[in-house]
Protein backbone atom coordinates (compact mmCIF):
# COMPACT_ATOMS: atom_id res chain seq x y z
CA MET A 1 -93.63 -238.77 32.48
CA TRP A 2 -91.14 -236.21 33.01
CA ARG A 3 -93.83 -233.51 34.22
CA LEU A 4 -95.04 -236.11 36.34
CA LEU A 5 -91.28 -236.47 38.22
CA THR A 6 -90.97 -232.78 37.51
CA VAL A 7 -93.72 -232.05 39.76
CA ARG A 8 -92.74 -234.62 42.52
CA ALA A 9 -89.18 -233.38 42.31
CA LEU A 10 -90.93 -229.68 43.07
CA ALA A 11 -93.14 -230.86 45.76
CA LEU A 12 -89.84 -232.47 47.12
CA LEU A 13 -88.32 -229.90 47.37
CA LEU A 14 -91.35 -227.74 48.95
CA VAL A 15 -91.49 -230.16 51.66
CA VAL A 16 -87.77 -229.64 52.82
CA LEU A 17 -87.75 -226.14 52.22
CA VAL A 18 -90.79 -225.31 54.13
CA CYS A 19 -89.78 -228.08 56.78
CA ARG A 20 -86.08 -227.39 57.60
CA GLY A 21 -85.19 -226.91 61.15
CA GLY A 22 -85.23 -229.84 63.08
CA SER A 23 -86.61 -231.91 60.51
CA PHE A 24 -83.39 -232.88 58.99
CA ALA A 25 -83.33 -236.37 59.55
CA TYR A 26 -87.04 -236.91 58.45
CA SER A 27 -85.99 -235.07 55.19
CA VAL A 28 -83.28 -237.56 54.33
CA LEU A 29 -85.44 -240.43 55.42
CA THR A 30 -88.57 -239.66 53.45
CA HIS A 31 -86.17 -238.96 50.48
CA GLU A 32 -84.44 -242.51 50.47
CA GLU A 33 -87.84 -243.71 51.10
CA ILE A 34 -89.22 -242.46 48.16
CA VAL A 35 -86.13 -243.53 46.15
CA VAL A 36 -87.50 -246.72 46.85
CA LEU A 37 -90.69 -246.38 46.16
CA VAL A 38 -90.32 -244.76 42.80
CA TRP A 39 -86.82 -246.53 41.68
CA SER A 40 -88.08 -249.95 39.77
CA ASP A 41 -91.20 -248.40 38.44
CA GLU A 42 -90.22 -244.84 37.11
CA ILE A 43 -86.29 -243.93 37.62
CA ARG A 44 -84.73 -247.50 36.96
CA PRO A 45 -86.67 -247.78 33.24
CA LEU A 46 -85.78 -243.94 32.35
CA LEU A 47 -82.19 -244.59 33.07
CA LEU A 48 -82.49 -247.72 30.47
CA LYS A 49 -84.53 -245.59 28.50
CA ARG A 50 -82.11 -243.13 28.15
CA TYR A 51 -79.10 -245.02 28.33
CA PRO A 52 -80.19 -248.81 27.20
CA GLY A 53 -75.96 -249.88 27.31
CA LEU A 54 -75.90 -249.18 30.98
CA SER A 55 -74.50 -252.05 33.11
CA GLU A 56 -76.14 -253.44 36.04
CA ASP A 57 -72.98 -251.77 38.15
CA GLN A 58 -73.53 -248.43 36.78
CA ILE A 59 -77.44 -248.86 37.78
CA LYS A 60 -76.48 -249.48 40.85
CA GLU A 61 -73.87 -246.73 41.10
CA ALA A 62 -77.04 -244.13 39.51
CA HIS A 63 -79.17 -246.09 42.66
CA ALA A 64 -76.65 -245.22 45.21
CA TYR A 65 -76.61 -241.13 43.58
CA ALA A 66 -79.76 -240.68 43.97
CA TYR A 67 -79.82 -241.74 47.72
CA GLY A 68 -76.69 -240.05 48.30
CA GLY A 69 -76.97 -237.12 46.00
CA ALA A 70 -80.13 -236.13 48.24
CA VAL A 71 -77.92 -236.45 51.65
CA ALA A 72 -75.96 -234.04 50.17
CA PHE A 73 -78.18 -231.47 48.48
CA LEU A 74 -80.15 -231.29 51.98
CA HIS A 75 -77.19 -230.90 53.83
CA ALA A 76 -76.88 -227.91 51.39
CA VAL A 77 -80.10 -226.16 52.42
CA GLY A 78 -79.65 -227.18 56.17
CA ALA A 79 -76.78 -224.82 55.75
CA ASP A 80 -78.39 -222.16 53.19
CA SER A 81 -75.85 -223.09 50.88
CA ALA A 82 -77.77 -224.66 47.94
CA LEU A 83 -78.07 -223.87 44.62
CA PHE A 84 -80.19 -224.90 42.44
CA PRO A 85 -80.33 -225.06 38.59
CA ASN A 86 -81.91 -222.26 36.56
CA CYS A 87 -83.12 -224.66 34.06
CA ASP A 88 -86.30 -226.40 32.95
CA LEU A 89 -86.40 -229.46 34.99
CA ASP A 90 -88.09 -231.60 32.30
CA SER A 91 -85.21 -230.61 29.48
CA GLY A 92 -82.59 -229.31 31.43
CA GLN A 93 -82.17 -225.95 29.31
CA ALA A 94 -83.04 -222.72 30.31
CA THR A 95 -86.53 -221.98 30.37
CA LYS A 96 -87.64 -219.87 27.73
CA ALA A 97 -91.08 -217.62 27.14
CA ALA A 98 -93.74 -219.63 25.61
CA GLU A 99 -92.75 -223.04 27.13
CA TYR A 100 -95.28 -222.58 30.06
CA SER A 101 -97.68 -220.53 30.75
CA LEU A 102 -97.17 -219.87 34.35
CA ALA A 103 -93.25 -219.33 33.43
CA ASP A 104 -94.61 -216.61 31.66
CA GLU A 105 -97.06 -214.95 34.30
CA THR A 106 -94.03 -215.19 36.99
CA TYR A 107 -91.41 -213.27 33.97
CA ALA A 108 -94.40 -210.87 33.84
CA LYS A 109 -94.39 -210.15 37.25
CA LEU A 110 -91.27 -210.28 38.40
CA LEU A 111 -90.47 -207.63 35.59
CA GLY A 112 -93.38 -205.33 36.50
CA GLN A 113 -92.20 -205.38 40.55
CA LEU A 114 -88.47 -204.76 38.76
CA SER A 115 -89.96 -201.90 36.70
CA SER A 116 -91.94 -200.04 39.66
CA ARG A 117 -88.79 -200.07 41.39
CA LYS A 118 -86.78 -198.70 38.19
CA PHE A 119 -84.95 -201.84 38.00
CA ASP A 120 -83.09 -200.71 41.54
CA GLY A 121 -80.71 -203.15 42.70
CA THR A 122 -81.18 -205.73 39.78
CA THR A 123 -78.02 -207.60 38.99
CA PRO A 124 -76.26 -208.26 36.12
CA GLU A 125 -77.13 -211.77 36.56
CA LEU A 126 -80.97 -211.26 36.76
CA ARG A 127 -81.24 -208.66 33.97
CA ALA A 128 -79.35 -210.78 31.52
CA ASN A 129 -81.48 -213.93 32.95
CA ILE A 130 -84.76 -211.71 31.84
CA LEU A 131 -83.73 -210.56 29.03
CA ASP A 132 -82.64 -214.13 28.30
CA PHE A 133 -86.01 -215.00 28.47
CA TYR A 134 -87.70 -212.76 26.00
CA SER A 135 -84.96 -213.31 23.72
CA ASP A 136 -87.72 -214.43 21.47
CA LEU A 137 -90.31 -212.23 21.24
CA SER A 138 -92.46 -213.86 18.29
CA VAL A 139 -93.28 -216.88 20.25
CA PRO A 140 -97.07 -217.00 21.54
CA VAL A 141 -96.21 -215.66 24.78
CA GLU A 142 -99.24 -216.38 27.09
CA THR A 143 -99.17 -212.47 28.49
CA LYS A 144 -99.47 -211.81 24.98
CA LYS A 145 -103.23 -212.11 25.45
CA ASP A 146 -103.78 -208.98 27.32
CA HIS A 147 -102.88 -206.42 24.92
CA ASP A 148 -102.10 -203.48 27.25
CA ARG A 149 -100.15 -206.09 29.28
CA TRP A 150 -97.93 -206.92 26.75
CA GLN A 151 -97.29 -203.38 25.43
CA GLY A 152 -96.63 -203.22 29.67
CA ILE A 153 -93.61 -205.41 29.25
CA LEU A 154 -92.15 -204.51 26.18
CA THR A 155 -91.87 -201.33 27.62
CA ALA A 156 -89.87 -202.86 30.72
CA LEU A 157 -87.95 -204.41 28.89
CA ASP A 158 -86.74 -201.80 26.75
CA GLN A 159 -85.89 -200.14 30.16
CA LEU A 160 -84.08 -202.84 31.60
CA LYS A 161 -82.23 -203.10 28.20
CA SER A 162 -81.28 -199.22 28.90
CA VAL A 163 -80.30 -199.84 33.01
CA ALA A 164 -76.84 -200.64 34.01
CA PRO A 165 -77.06 -203.12 36.38
CA VAL A 166 -75.00 -203.12 39.61
CA ARG A 167 -72.96 -205.76 41.33
CA THR A 168 -74.41 -205.83 44.44
CA VAL A 169 -72.30 -207.63 47.92
CA ALA A 170 -73.70 -209.51 50.41
CA ALA A 171 -73.55 -208.49 53.61
CA SER A 172 -72.05 -210.91 56.04
CA PRO A 173 -74.64 -211.31 58.71
CA ALA A 174 -74.05 -209.53 62.49
CA PRO A 175 -72.28 -211.83 64.99
């Protein structure tokens, strides 16, 4: 059930990001329509399952947040200031190796790209995120299936551990 909601949320997010520009009003209306369509059958039952003692007023408030939260989010996207949580949308926890094969592949690819640049420009936050992702190497990570690739990942992780990350400062856009 959560995976279905995650896929739907990611699809909506992708649509929002791809169609930014002049379609802001349509994005808000689309989101509101999606809330209307899934509220009774999916969102409300999930809320009641997770929080069985909710009053009708609290449910109405949650419904309002489902509407208004998206409007605030879409404004942030339009202003290029949206902050996306770095977490597994199913559990709300940090994603770990072996949890999702696509995440394993993505981290392996990212690590390979950074390694090919000798980790130049790698921020402390990104370094910490990658090392946290690979913090338990005993789990059945998808990329372990290819022995040579896994050895490359282990080598890159050792290199990343020894690199002193640099703090970068974003440049202000030219007037």
